[in-house]
PDB file of all heavy atoms in Angstrom:
ATOM      1  N   ILE A   1     115.544 -35.324  67.613  1.00  0.00           N
ATOM      2  CA  ILE A   1     114.015 -35.163  67.645  1.00  0.00           C
ATOM      3  C   ILE A   1     113.438 -36.366  68.102  1.00  0.00           C
ATOM      4  O   ILE A   1     113.730 -37.586  67.791  1.00  0.00           O
ATOM      5  CB  ILE A   1     113.572 -34.818  66.178  1.00  0.00           C
ATOM      6  CG1 ILE A   1     114.136 -33.521  65.747  1.00  0.00           C
ATOM      7  CG2 ILE A   1     112.002 -34.910  66.122  1.00  0.00           C
ATOM      8  CD1 ILE A   1     113.858 -33.292  64.249  1.00  0.00           C
ATOM      9  N   GLY A   2     112.471 -36.188  69.072  1.00  0.00           N
ATOM     10  CA  GLY A   2     111.850 -37.363  69.726  1.00  0.00           C
ATOM     11  C   GLY A   2     112.527 -37.850  70.959  1.00  0.00           C
ATOM     12  O   GLY A   2     111.922 -38.713  71.780  1.00  0.00           O
ATOM     13  N   LYS A   3     113.731 -37.432  71.261  1.00  0.00           N
ATOM     14  CA  LYS A   3     114.422 -37.850  72.414  1.00  0.00           C
ATOM     15  C   LYS A   3     114.190 -37.035  73.674  1.00  0.00           C
ATOM     16  O   LYS A   3     113.772 -35.806  73.511  1.00  0.00           O
ATOM     17  CB  LYS A   3     115.949 -37.892  72.183  1.00  0.00           C
ATOM     18  CG  LYS A   3     116.294 -38.887  70.982  1.00  0.00           C
ATOM     19  CD  LYS A   3     117.851 -39.030  70.864  1.00  0.00           C
ATOM     20  CE  LYS A   3     118.266 -39.916  69.764  1.00  0.00           C
ATOM     21  NZ  LYS A   3     117.851 -41.303  70.044  1.00  0.00           N
ATOM     22  N   THR A   4     114.337 -37.607  74.769  1.00  0.00           N
ATOM     23  CA  THR A   4     114.123 -36.905  76.013  1.00  0.00           C
ATOM     24  C   THR A   4     115.438 -36.626  76.646  1.00  0.00           C
ATOM     25  O   THR A   4     116.165 -37.491  76.828  1.00  0.00           O
ATOM     26  CB  THR A   4     113.158 -37.711  76.967  1.00  0.00           C
ATOM     27  OG1 THR A   4     111.914 -37.909  76.349  1.00  0.00           O
ATOM     28  CG2 THR A   4     112.910 -36.977  78.286  1.00  0.00           C
ATOM     29  N   PHE A   5     115.646 -35.384  77.231  1.00  0.00           N
ATOM     30  CA  PHE A   5     116.873 -35.052  77.920  1.00  0.00           C
ATOM     31  C   PHE A   5     116.561 -34.582  79.347  1.00  0.00           C
ATOM     32  O   PHE A   5     115.546 -33.879  79.591  1.00  0.00           O
ATOM     33  CB  PHE A   5     117.568 -33.978  77.119  1.00  0.00           C
ATOM     34  CG  PHE A   5     117.982 -34.333  75.880  1.00  0.00           C
ATOM     35  CD1 PHE A   5     117.192 -34.335  74.673  1.00  0.00           C
ATOM     36  CD2 PHE A   5     119.264 -34.819  75.585  1.00  0.00           C
ATOM     37  CE1 PHE A   5     117.651 -34.701  73.423  1.00  0.00           C
ATOM     38  CE2 PHE A   5     119.787 -35.248  74.329  1.00  0.00           C
ATOM     39  CZ  PHE A   5     118.907 -35.190  73.219  1.00  0.00           C
ATOM     40  N   ARG A   6     117.487 -34.929  80.240  1.00  0.00           N
ATOM     41  CA  ARG A   6     117.274 -34.563  81.644  1.00  0.00           C
ATOM     42  C   ARG A   6     117.963 -33.247  82.008  1.00  0.00           C
ATOM     43  O   ARG A   6     119.216 -33.128  81.803  1.00  0.00           O
ATOM     44  CB  ARG A   6     117.781 -35.726  82.471  1.00  0.00           C
ATOM     45  CG  ARG A   6     117.575 -35.544  84.018  1.00  0.00           C
ATOM     46  CD  ARG A   6     118.324 -36.513  84.831  1.00  0.00           C
ATOM     47  NE  ARG A   6     117.801 -37.899  84.478  1.00  0.00           N
ATOM     48  CZ  ARG A   6     116.703 -38.472  85.088  1.00  0.00           C
ATOM     49  NH1 ARG A   6     116.053 -37.744  85.981  1.00  0.00           N
ATOM     50  NH2 ARG A   6     116.355 -39.679  84.683  1.00  0.00           N
ATOM     51  N   GLY A   7     117.244 -32.317  82.557  1.00  0.00           N
ATOM     52  CA  GLY A   7     117.828 -31.184  83.073  1.00  0.00           C
ATOM     53  C   GLY A   7     117.952 -31.186  84.569  1.00  0.00           C
ATOM     54  O   GLY A   7     117.492 -32.216  85.195  1.00  0.00           O
ATOM     55  N   ILE A   8     118.452 -30.078  85.211  1.00  0.00           N
ATOM     56  CA  ILE A   8     118.490 -30.102  86.600  1.00  0.00           C
ATOM     57  C   ILE A   8     117.049 -30.062  87.284  1.00  0.00           C
ATOM     58  O   ILE A   8     116.801 -30.620  88.325  1.00  0.00           O
ATOM     59  CB  ILE A   8     119.349 -28.897  87.090  1.00  0.00           C
ATOM     60  CG1 ILE A   8     120.790 -29.086  86.526  1.00  0.00           C
ATOM     61  CG2 ILE A   8     119.350 -28.686  88.573  1.00  0.00           C
ATOM     62  CD1 ILE A   8     121.694 -27.788  86.728  1.00  0.00           C
ATOM     63  N   LYS A   9     116.272 -29.321  86.681  1.00  0.00           N
ATOM     64  CA  LYS A   9     114.956 -29.074  87.153  1.00  0.00           C
ATOM     65  C   LYS A   9     113.828 -30.017  86.696  1.00  0.00           C
ATOM     66  O   LYS A   9     112.736 -30.043  87.113  1.00  0.00           O
ATOM     67  CB  LYS A   9     114.489 -27.691  87.047  1.00  0.00           C
ATOM     68  CG  LYS A   9     115.426 -26.633  87.569  1.00  0.00           C
ATOM     69  CD  LYS A   9     114.959 -25.255  87.217  1.00  0.00           C
ATOM     70  CE  LYS A   9     115.994 -24.172  87.835  1.00  0.00           C
ATOM     71  NZ  LYS A   9     115.499 -22.748  87.388  1.00  0.00           N
ATOM     72  N   GLY A  10     114.077 -30.543  85.426  1.00  0.00           N
ATOM     73  CA  GLY A  10     113.033 -31.384  84.731  1.00  0.00           C
ATOM     74  C   GLY A  10     113.525 -32.053  83.558  1.00  0.00           C
ATOM     75  O   GLY A  10     114.747 -32.060  83.327  1.00  0.00           O
ATOM     76  N   ARG A  11     112.537 -32.755  82.946  1.00  0.00           N
ATOM     77  CA  ARG A  11     112.891 -33.501  81.613  1.00  0.00           C
ATOM     78  C   ARG A  11     112.257 -32.874  80.475  1.00  0.00           C
ATOM     79  O   ARG A  11     111.087 -32.355  80.551  1.00  0.00           O
ATOM     80  CB  ARG A  11     112.472 -34.941  81.854  1.00  0.00           C
ATOM     81  CG  ARG A  11     113.323 -35.693  82.874  1.00  0.00           C
ATOM     82  CD  ARG A  11     112.676 -37.080  83.234  1.00  0.00           C
ATOM     83  NE  ARG A  11     112.594 -37.903  82.220  1.00  0.00           N
ATOM     84  CZ  ARG A  11     113.690 -38.833  81.952  1.00  0.00           C
ATOM     85  NH1 ARG A  11     114.674 -38.855  82.723  1.00  0.00           N
ATOM     86  NH2 ARG A  11     113.581 -39.696  80.856  1.00  0.00           N
ATOM     87  N   TYR A  12     112.896 -32.901  79.261  1.00  0.00           N
ATOM     88  CA  TYR A  12     112.336 -32.301  78.089  1.00  0.00           C
ATOM     89  C   TYR A  12     112.364 -33.165  76.899  1.00  0.00           C
ATOM     90  O   TYR A  12     113.494 -33.763  76.563  1.00  0.00           O
ATOM     91  CB  TYR A  12     113.196 -30.992  77.885  1.00  0.00           C
ATOM     92  CG  TYR A  12     113.236 -30.086  79.157  1.00  0.00           C
ATOM     93  CD1 TYR A  12     114.356 -30.297  79.968  1.00  0.00           C
ATOM     94  CD2 TYR A  12     112.352 -29.166  79.489  1.00  0.00           C
ATOM     95  CE1 TYR A  12     114.440 -29.531  81.150  1.00  0.00           C
ATOM     96  CE2 TYR A  12     112.362 -28.415  80.621  1.00  0.00           C
ATOM     97  CZ  TYR A  12     113.457 -28.616  81.477  1.00  0.00           C
ATOM     98  OH  TYR A  12     113.589 -27.892  82.662  1.00  0.00           O
ATOM     99  N   LYS A  13     111.277 -33.269  76.171  1.00  0.00           N
ATOM    100  CA  LYS A  13     111.267 -33.947  74.882  1.00  0.00           C
ATOM    101  C   LYS A  13     111.353 -33.092  73.693  1.00  0.00           C
ATOM    102  O   LYS A  13     110.636 -32.250  73.506  1.00  0.00           O
ATOM    103  CB  LYS A  13     109.957 -34.822  74.900  1.00  0.00           C
ATOM    104  CG  LYS A  13     109.889 -35.730  73.703  1.00  0.00           C
ATOM    105  CD  LYS A  13     108.594 -36.575  73.648  1.00  0.00           C
ATOM    106  CE  LYS A  13     108.620 -37.475  72.517  1.00  0.00           C
ATOM    107  NZ  LYS A  13     107.355 -38.389  72.430  1.00  0.00           N
ATOM    108  N   VAL A  14     112.364 -33.355  72.833  1.00  0.00           N
ATOM    109  CA  VAL A  14     112.651 -32.560  71.700  1.00  0.00           C
ATOM    110  C   VAL A  14     111.527 -32.882  70.623  1.00  0.00           C
ATOM    111  O   VAL A  14     111.264 -33.942  70.312  1.00  0.00           O
ATOM    112  CB  VAL A  14     113.978 -32.820  71.177  1.00  0.00           C
ATOM    113  CG1 VAL A  14     114.134 -32.104  69.803  1.00  0.00           C
ATOM    114  CG2 VAL A  14     115.138 -32.373  72.111  1.00  0.00           C
ATOM    115  N   VAL A  15     110.929 -31.772  70.066  1.00  0.00           N
ATOM    116  CA  VAL A  15     109.930 -31.863  69.176  1.00  0.00           C
ATOM    117  C   VAL A  15     110.291 -31.640  67.657  1.00  0.00           C
ATOM    118  O   VAL A  15     110.138 -32.486  66.844  1.00  0.00           O
ATOM    119  CB  VAL A  15     108.731 -30.836  69.528  1.00  0.00           C
ATOM    120  CG1 VAL A  15     107.581 -30.904  68.451  1.00  0.00           C
ATOM    121  CG2 VAL A  15     108.160 -31.143  70.872  1.00  0.00           C
ATOM    122  N   LYS A  16     111.057 -30.556  67.488  1.00  0.00           N
ATOM    123  CA  LYS A  16     111.541 -30.329  66.121  1.00  0.00           C
ATOM    124  C   LYS A  16     112.629 -29.183  66.146  1.00  0.00           C
ATOM    125  O   LYS A  16     112.810 -28.436  67.150  1.00  0.00           O
ATOM    126  CB  LYS A  16     110.410 -29.749  65.256  1.00  0.00           C
ATOM    127  CG  LYS A  16     109.936 -28.367  65.668  1.00  0.00           C
ATOM    128  CD  LYS A  16     108.730 -27.892  64.645  1.00  0.00           C
ATOM    129  CE  LYS A  16     108.215 -26.534  65.107  1.00  0.00           C
ATOM    130  NZ  LYS A  16     107.126 -26.031  64.158  1.00  0.00           N
ATOM    131  N   LEU A  17     113.345 -29.173  65.036  1.00  0.00           N
ATOM    132  CA  LEU A  17     114.450 -28.191  64.878  1.00  0.00           C
ATOM    133  C   LEU A  17     113.784 -26.868  64.575  1.00  0.00           C
ATOM    134  O   LEU A  17     112.766 -26.871  63.704  1.00  0.00           O
ATOM    135  CB  LEU A  17     115.418 -28.621  63.794  1.00  0.00           C
ATOM    136  CG  LEU A  17     116.623 -27.734  63.481  1.00  0.00           C
ATOM    137  CD1 LEU A  17     117.581 -27.953  64.691  1.00  0.00           C
ATOM    138  CD2 LEU A  17     117.324 -28.226  62.223  1.00  0.00           C
ATOM    139  N   LEU A  18     114.246 -25.785  65.141  1.00  0.00           N
ATOM    140  CA  LEU A  18     113.559 -24.439  64.869  1.00  0.00           C
ATOM    141  C   LEU A  18     114.300 -23.884  63.738  1.00  0.00           C
ATOM    142  O   LEU A  18     115.549 -24.094  63.471  1.00  0.00           O
ATOM    143  CB  LEU A  18     113.652 -23.623  66.075  1.00  0.00           C
ATOM    144  CG  LEU A  18     112.693 -23.976  67.178  1.00  0.00           C
ATOM    145  CD1 LEU A  18     112.888 -23.080  68.417  1.00  0.00           C
ATOM    146  CD2 LEU A  18     111.262 -23.868  66.811  1.00  0.00           C
ATOM    147  N   GLY A  19     113.606 -22.928  62.986  1.00  0.00           N
ATOM    148  CA  GLY A  19     113.961 -22.280  61.792  1.00  0.00           C
ATOM    149  C   GLY A  19     115.473 -22.048  61.561  1.00  0.00           C
ATOM    150  O   GLY A  19     116.256 -22.845  61.393  1.00  0.00           O
ATOM    151  N   LYS A  20     115.718 -20.742  61.724  1.00  0.00           N
ATOM    152  CA  LYS A  20     117.125 -20.158  61.404  1.00  0.00           C
ATOM    153  C   LYS A  20     118.046 -20.558  62.561  1.00  0.00           C
ATOM    154  O   LYS A  20     117.779 -20.224  63.731  1.00  0.00           O
ATOM    155  CB  LYS A  20     117.055 -18.699  61.224  1.00  0.00           C
ATOM    156  CG  LYS A  20     118.083 -18.145  60.215  1.00  0.00           C
ATOM    157  CD  LYS A  20     117.753 -16.653  59.869  1.00  0.00           C
ATOM    158  CE  LYS A  20     118.747 -16.145  58.816  1.00  0.00           C
ATOM    159  NZ  LYS A  20     118.502 -14.796  58.518  1.00  0.00           N
ATOM    160  N   GLN A  21     119.182 -21.113  62.311  1.00  0.00           N
ATOM    161  CA  GLN A  21     120.188 -21.569  63.257  1.00  0.00           C
ATOM    162  C   GLN A  21     121.348 -20.590  63.293  1.00  0.00           C
ATOM    163  O   GLN A  21     121.811 -20.044  62.346  1.00  0.00           O
ATOM    164  CB  GLN A  21     120.619 -22.934  62.969  1.00  0.00           C
ATOM    165  CG  GLN A  21     119.534 -24.023  62.969  1.00  0.00           C
ATOM    166  CD  GLN A  21     118.906 -24.274  64.443  1.00  0.00           C
ATOM    167  OE1 GLN A  21     119.610 -24.313  65.275  1.00  0.00           O
ATOM    168  NE2 GLN A  21     117.570 -24.132  64.377  1.00  0.00           N
ATOM    169  N   GLY A  22     121.844 -20.410  64.552  1.00  0.00           N
ATOM    170  CA  GLY A  22     123.040 -19.668  64.743  1.00  0.00           C
ATOM    171  C   GLY A  22     124.370 -20.401  64.385  1.00  0.00           C
ATOM    172  O   GLY A  22     124.299 -21.554  64.047  1.00  0.00           O
ATOM    173  N   ALA A  23     125.411 -19.593  64.488  1.00  0.00           N
ATOM    174  CA  ALA A  23     126.691 -20.209  64.139  1.00  0.00           C
ATOM    175  C   ALA A  23     127.277 -21.113  65.194  1.00  0.00           C
ATOM    176  O   ALA A  23     128.005 -22.069  64.875  1.00  0.00           O
ATOM    177  CB  ALA A  23     127.691 -19.050  63.919  1.00  0.00           C
ATOM    178  N   MET A  24     126.760 -20.929  66.378  1.00  0.00           N
ATOM    179  CA  MET A  24     127.383 -21.722  67.531  1.00  0.00           C
ATOM    180  C   MET A  24     126.558 -22.798  68.028  1.00  0.00           C
ATOM    181  O   MET A  24     127.014 -23.796  68.725  1.00  0.00           O
ATOM    182  CB  MET A  24     127.748 -20.743  68.689  1.00  0.00           C
ATOM    183  CG  MET A  24     128.634 -19.691  68.403  1.00  0.00           C
ATOM    184  SD  MET A  24     130.314 -20.196  67.840  1.00  0.00           S
ATOM    185  CE  MET A  24     130.966 -20.866  69.262  1.00  0.00           C
ATOM    186  N   GLY A  25     125.173 -22.739  67.815  1.00  0.00           N
ATOM    187  CA  GLY A  25     124.259 -23.813  68.453  1.00  0.00           C
ATOM    188  C   GLY A  25     123.247 -24.273  67.562  1.00  0.00           C
ATOM    189  O   GLY A  25     122.984 -23.711  66.518  1.00  0.00           O
ATOM    190  N   LEU A  26     122.644 -25.353  67.900  1.00  0.00           N
ATOM    191  CA  LEU A  26     121.417 -25.965  67.379  1.00  0.00           C
ATOM    192  C   LEU A  26     120.383 -25.715  68.227  1.00  0.00           C
ATOM    193  O   LEU A  26     120.425 -26.169  69.372  1.00  0.00           O
ATOM    194  CB  LEU A  26     121.668 -27.413  67.092  1.00  0.00           C
ATOM    195  CG  LEU A  26     122.557 -27.847  65.850  1.00  0.00           C
ATOM    196  CD1 LEU A  26     122.839 -29.283  65.891  1.00  0.00           C
ATOM    197  CD2 LEU A  26     122.088 -27.343  64.566  1.00  0.00           C
ATOM    198  N   VAL A  27     119.243 -25.162  67.725  1.00  0.00           N
ATOM    199  CA  VAL A  27     118.059 -24.803  68.607  1.00  0.00           C
ATOM    200  C   VAL A  27     116.894 -25.611  68.251  1.00  0.00           C
ATOM    201  O   VAL A  27     116.462 -25.665  67.066  1.00  0.00           O
ATOM    202  CB  VAL A  27     117.851 -23.271  68.503  1.00  0.00           C
ATOM    203  CG1 VAL A  27     116.657 -22.874  69.440  1.00  0.00           C
ATOM    204  CG2 VAL A  27     119.034 -22.400  68.737  1.00  0.00           C
ATOM    205  N   PHE A  28     116.302 -26.190  69.291  1.00  0.00           N
ATOM    206  CA  PHE A  28     115.066 -27.084  69.081  1.00  0.00           C
ATOM    207  C   PHE A  28     113.893 -26.574  69.791  1.00  0.00           C
ATOM    208  O   PHE A  28     114.030 -26.086  71.023  1.00  0.00           O
ATOM    209  CB  PHE A  28     115.403 -28.504  69.537  1.00  0.00           C
ATOM    210  CG  PHE A  28     116.435 -29.229  68.660  1.00  0.00           C
ATOM    211  CD1 PHE A  28     117.775 -28.980  68.986  1.00  0.00           C
ATOM    212  CD2 PHE A  28     116.157 -30.007  67.585  1.00  0.00           C
ATOM    213  CE1 PHE A  28     118.785 -29.659  68.189  1.00  0.00           C
ATOM    214  CE2 PHE A  28     117.073 -30.638  66.796  1.00  0.00           C
ATOM    215  CZ  PHE A  28     118.431 -30.462  67.065  1.00  0.00           C
ATOM    216  N   LEU A  29     112.753 -26.895  69.318  1.00  0.00           N
ATOM    217  CA  LEU A  29     111.591 -26.713  70.157  1.00  0.00           C
ATOM    218  C   LEU A  29     111.321 -27.980  70.907  1.00  0.00           C
ATOM    219  O   LEU A  29     111.546 -29.115  70.395  1.00  0.00           O
ATOM    220  CB  LEU A  29     110.337 -26.544  69.191  1.00  0.00           C
ATOM    221  CG  LEU A  29     108.913 -26.513  69.982  1.00  0.00           C
ATOM    222  CD1 LEU A  29     108.756 -25.327  70.868  1.00  0.00           C
ATOM    223  CD2 LEU A  29     107.770 -26.536  68.992  1.00  0.00           C
ATOM    224  N   ALA A  30     111.040 -27.819  72.172  1.00  0.00           N
ATOM    225  CA  ALA A  30     110.728 -29.025  73.046  1.00  0.00           C
ATOM    226  C   ALA A  30     109.585 -28.784  73.976  1.00  0.00           C
ATOM    227  O   ALA A  30     109.133 -27.687  73.945  1.00  0.00           O
ATOM    228  CB  ALA A  30     112.090 -29.308  73.882  1.00  0.00           C
ATOM    229  N   GLU A  31     109.272 -29.837  74.719  1.00  0.00           N
ATOM    230  CA  GLU A  31     108.274 -29.638  75.769  1.00  0.00           C
ATOM    231  C   GLU A  31     108.584 -30.451  76.984  1.00  0.00           C
ATOM    232  O   GLU A  31     109.265 -31.419  76.941  1.00  0.00           O
ATOM    233  CB  GLU A  31     106.902 -30.028  75.160  1.00  0.00           C
ATOM    234  CG  GLU A  31     106.819 -31.551  74.781  1.00  0.00           C
ATOM    235  CD  GLU A  31     105.461 -31.910  74.214  1.00  0.00           C
ATOM    236  OE1 GLU A  31     104.757 -31.035  73.761  1.00  0.00           O
ATOM    237  OE2 GLU A  31     105.143 -33.103  74.113  1.00  0.00           O
ATOM    238  N   THR A  32     108.053 -29.893  78.090  1.00  0.00           N
ATOM    239  CA  THR A  32     108.267 -30.598  79.400  1.00  0.00           C
ATOM    240  C   THR A  32     107.498 -31.879  79.322  1.00  0.00           C
ATOM    241  O   THR A  32     106.509 -31.994  78.750  1.00  0.00           O
ATOM    242  CB  THR A  32     107.818 -29.698  80.587  1.00  0.00           C
ATOM    243  OG1 THR A  32     106.407 -29.425  80.402  1.00  0.00           O
ATOM    244  CG2 THR A  32     108.596 -28.409  80.747  1.00  0.00           C
ATOM    245  N   THR A  33     108.088 -32.868  80.021  1.00  0.00           N
ATOM    246  CA  THR A  33     107.405 -34.171  80.131  1.00  0.00           C
ATOM    247  C   THR A  33     106.434 -34.243  81.247  1.00  0.00           C
ATOM    248  O   THR A  33     105.493 -35.005  81.290  1.00  0.00           O
ATOM    249  CB  THR A  33     108.419 -35.318  80.266  1.00  0.00           C
ATOM    250  OG1 THR A  33     109.180 -35.072  81.562  1.00  0.00           O
ATOM    251  CG2 THR A  33     109.377 -35.394  79.087  1.00  0.00           C
ATOM    252  N   SER A  34     106.469 -33.368  82.165  1.00  0.00           N
ATOM    253  CA  SER A  34     105.584 -33.206  83.368  1.00  0.00           C
ATOM    254  C   SER A  34     104.384 -32.322  82.857  1.00  0.00           C
ATOM    255  O   SER A  34     104.500 -31.482  82.007  1.00  0.00           O
ATOM    256  CB  SER A  34     106.338 -32.604  84.559  1.00  0.00           C
ATOM    257  OG  SER A  34     106.713 -31.283  84.237  1.00  0.00           O
ATOM    258  N   LYS A  35     103.275 -32.585  83.500  1.00  0.00           N
ATOM    259  CA  LYS A  35     102.061 -31.927  83.146  1.00  0.00           C
ATOM    260  C   LYS A  35     101.901 -30.689  84.035  1.00  0.00           C
ATOM    261  O   LYS A  35     102.271 -30.773  85.229  1.00  0.00           O
ATOM    262  CB  LYS A  35     100.802 -32.711  83.188  1.00  0.00           C
ATOM    263  CG  LYS A  35     100.934 -33.847  82.119  1.00  0.00           C
ATOM    264  CD  LYS A  35      99.670 -34.678  82.223  1.00  0.00           C
ATOM    265  CE  LYS A  35      99.688 -35.811  81.093  1.00  0.00           C
ATOM    266  NZ  LYS A  35      98.417 -36.706  81.168  1.00  0.00           N
ATOM    267  N   PRO A  36     101.395 -29.559  83.615  1.00  0.00           N
ATOM    268  CA  PRO A  36     100.911 -29.380  82.239  1.00  0.00           C
ATOM    269  C   PRO A  36     102.107 -29.140  81.295  1.00  0.00           C
ATOM    270  O   PRO A  36     103.148 -28.440  81.745  1.00  0.00           O
ATOM    271  CB  PRO A  36     100.108 -28.099  82.293  1.00  0.00           C
ATOM    272  CG  PRO A  36     100.741 -27.317  83.493  1.00  0.00           C
ATOM    273  CD  PRO A  36     101.120 -28.416  84.458  1.00  0.00           C
ATOM    274  N   LYS A  37     102.093 -29.823  80.117  1.00  0.00           N
ATOM    275  CA  LYS A  37     103.194 -29.730  79.108  1.00  0.00           C
ATOM    276  C   LYS A  37     103.327 -28.257  78.667  1.00  0.00           C
ATOM    277  O   LYS A  37     102.462 -27.656  78.350  1.00  0.00           O
ATOM    278  CB  LYS A  37     103.052 -30.599  77.951  1.00  0.00           C
ATOM    279  CG  LYS A  37     103.167 -32.132  78.440  1.00  0.00           C
ATOM    280  CD  LYS A  37     103.060 -33.005  77.281  1.00  0.00           C
ATOM    281  CE  LYS A  37     103.183 -34.486  77.665  1.00  0.00           C
ATOM    282  NZ  LYS A  37     103.260 -35.433  76.507  1.00  0.00           N
ATOM    283  N   THR A  38     104.600 -27.851  78.806  1.00  0.00           N
ATOM    284  CA  THR A  38     104.944 -26.495  78.392  1.00  0.00           C
ATOM    285  C   THR A  38     106.058 -26.461  77.271  1.00  0.00           C
ATOM    286  O   THR A  38     106.975 -27.313  77.357  1.00  0.00           O
ATOM    287  CB  THR A  38     105.595 -25.727  79.666  1.00  0.00           C
ATOM    288  OG1 THR A  38     104.494 -25.818  80.728  1.00  0.00           O
ATOM    289  CG2 THR A  38     105.767 -24.197  79.411  1.00  0.00           C
ATOM    290  N   LYS A  39     105.873 -25.583  76.310  1.00  0.00           N
ATOM    291  CA  LYS A  39     106.778 -25.436  75.301  1.00  0.00           C
ATOM    292  C   LYS A  39     108.045 -24.715  75.751  1.00  0.00           C
ATOM    293  O   LYS A  39     107.905 -23.765  76.500  1.00  0.00           O
ATOM    294  CB  LYS A  39     106.216 -24.694  74.089  1.00  0.00           C
ATOM    295  CG  LYS A  39     105.178 -25.392  73.282  1.00  0.00           C
ATOM    296  CD  LYS A  39     104.714 -24.544  72.136  1.00  0.00           C
ATOM    297  CE  LYS A  39     103.543 -25.283  71.283  1.00  0.00           C
ATOM    298  NZ  LYS A  39     103.119 -24.391  70.151  1.00  0.00           N
ATOM    299  N   VAL A  40     109.264 -25.169  75.476  1.00  0.00           N
ATOM    300  CA  VAL A  40     110.529 -24.552  75.740  1.00  0.00           C
ATOM    301  C   VAL A  40     111.439 -24.620  74.564  1.00  0.00           C
ATOM    302  O   VAL A  40     111.048 -25.255  73.530  1.00  0.00           O
ATOM    303  CB  VAL A  40     111.199 -25.267  76.953  1.00  0.00           C
ATOM    304  CG1 VAL A  40     110.314 -25.188  78.214  1.00  0.00           C
ATOM    305  CG2 VAL A  40     111.555 -26.696  76.653  1.00  0.00           C
ATOM    306  N   VAL A  41     112.598 -23.962  74.586  1.00  0.00           N
ATOM    307  CA  VAL A  41     113.578 -24.081  73.571  1.00  0.00           C
ATOM    308  C   VAL A  41     114.809 -24.700  74.243  1.00  0.00           C
ATOM    309  O   VAL A  41     115.259 -24.270  75.354  1.00  0.00           O
ATOM    310  CB  VAL A  41     113.924 -22.718  73.026  1.00  0.00           C
ATOM    311  CG1 VAL A  41     115.063 -22.629  72.107  1.00  0.00           C
ATOM    312  CG2 VAL A  41     112.693 -22.099  72.239  1.00  0.00           C
ATOM    313  N   ILE A  42     115.411 -25.670  73.470  1.00  0.00           N
ATOM    314  CA  ILE A  42     116.609 -26.263  73.954  1.00  0.00           C
ATOM    315  C   ILE A  42     117.836 -25.957  72.981  1.00  0.00           C
ATOM    316  O   ILE A  42     117.548 -26.073  71.745  1.00  0.00           O
ATOM    317  CB  ILE A  42     116.505 -27.750  74.069  1.00  0.00           C
ATOM    318  CG1 ILE A  42     115.567 -28.137  75.176  1.00  0.00           C
ATOM    319  CG2 ILE A  42     117.872 -28.394  74.487  1.00  0.00           C
ATOM    320  CD1 ILE A  42     115.542 -29.592  75.652  1.00  0.00           C
ATOM    321  N   LYS A  43     118.864 -25.514  73.434  1.00  0.00           N
ATOM    322  CA  LYS A  43     120.015 -25.202  72.640  1.00  0.00           C
ATOM    323  C   LYS A  43     121.182 -26.160  73.002  1.00  0.00           C
ATOM    324  O   LYS A  43     121.584 -26.283  74.149  1.00  0.00           O
ATOM    325  CB  LYS A  43     120.451 -23.742  72.795  1.00  0.00           C
ATOM    326  CG  LYS A  43     121.633 -23.281  71.964  1.00  0.00           C
ATOM    327  CD  LYS A  43     121.770 -21.741  71.953  1.00  0.00           C
ATOM    328  CE  LYS A  43     122.840 -21.234  71.076  1.00  0.00           C
ATOM    329  NZ  LYS A  43     123.048 -19.762  71.165  1.00  0.00           N
ATOM    330  N   PHE A  44     121.699 -26.735  71.915  1.00  0.00           N
ATOM    331  CA  PHE A  44     122.915 -27.624  72.062  1.00  0.00           C
ATOM    332  C   PHE A  44     124.103 -26.984  71.271  1.00  0.00           C
ATOM    333  O   PHE A  44     123.875 -26.173  70.304  1.00  0.00           O
ATOM    334  CB  PHE A  44     122.614 -28.960  71.414  1.00  0.00           C
ATOM    335  CG  PHE A  44     121.604 -29.813  72.184  1.00  0.00           C
ATOM    336  CD1 PHE A  44     120.204 -29.700  71.784  1.00  0.00           C
ATOM    337  CD2 PHE A  44     121.898 -30.729  73.040  1.00  0.00           C
ATOM    338  CE1 PHE A  44     119.228 -30.492  72.333  1.00  0.00           C
ATOM    339  CE2 PHE A  44     121.038 -31.485  73.737  1.00  0.00           C
ATOM    340  CZ  PHE A  44     119.620 -31.363  73.381  1.00  0.00           C
ATOM    341  N   ALA A  45     125.281 -27.399  71.636  1.00  0.00           N
ATOM    342  CA  ALA A  45     126.401 -26.952  70.871  1.00  0.00           C
ATOM    343  C   ALA A  45     126.328 -27.530  69.439  1.00  0.00           C
ATOM    344  O   ALA A  45     125.982 -28.619  69.239  1.00  0.00           O
ATOM    345  CB  ALA A  45     127.670 -27.384  71.492  1.00  0.00           C
ATOM    346  N   LYS A  46     126.640 -26.604  68.445  1.00  0.00           N
ATOM    347  CA  LYS A  46     126.415 -27.105  67.009  1.00  0.00           C
ATOM    348  C   LYS A  46     127.417 -28.249  66.633  1.00  0.00           C
ATOM    349  O   LYS A  46     126.979 -29.052  65.896  1.00  0.00           O
ATOM    350  CB  LYS A  46     126.619 -25.888  66.127  1.00  0.00           C
ATOM    351  CG  LYS A  46     126.034 -26.115  64.745  1.00  0.00           C
ATOM    352  CD  LYS A  46     125.996 -24.779  64.056  1.00  0.00           C
ATOM    353  CE  LYS A  46     125.269 -24.944  62.695  1.00  0.00           C
ATOM    354  NZ  LYS A  46     125.082 -23.613  62.052  1.00  0.00           N
TER     355      LYS A  46
END
């Protein structure tokens, strides 16, 4: 949370952990660092 991660197309800042989590991954709400800021979901291996 609060960290920025680099994707192939852009950079994303993690905002918070989202509710119910799956067995295989951790899912976070994030937003693009470029404007206009857009909400996205980022999934990492659990």
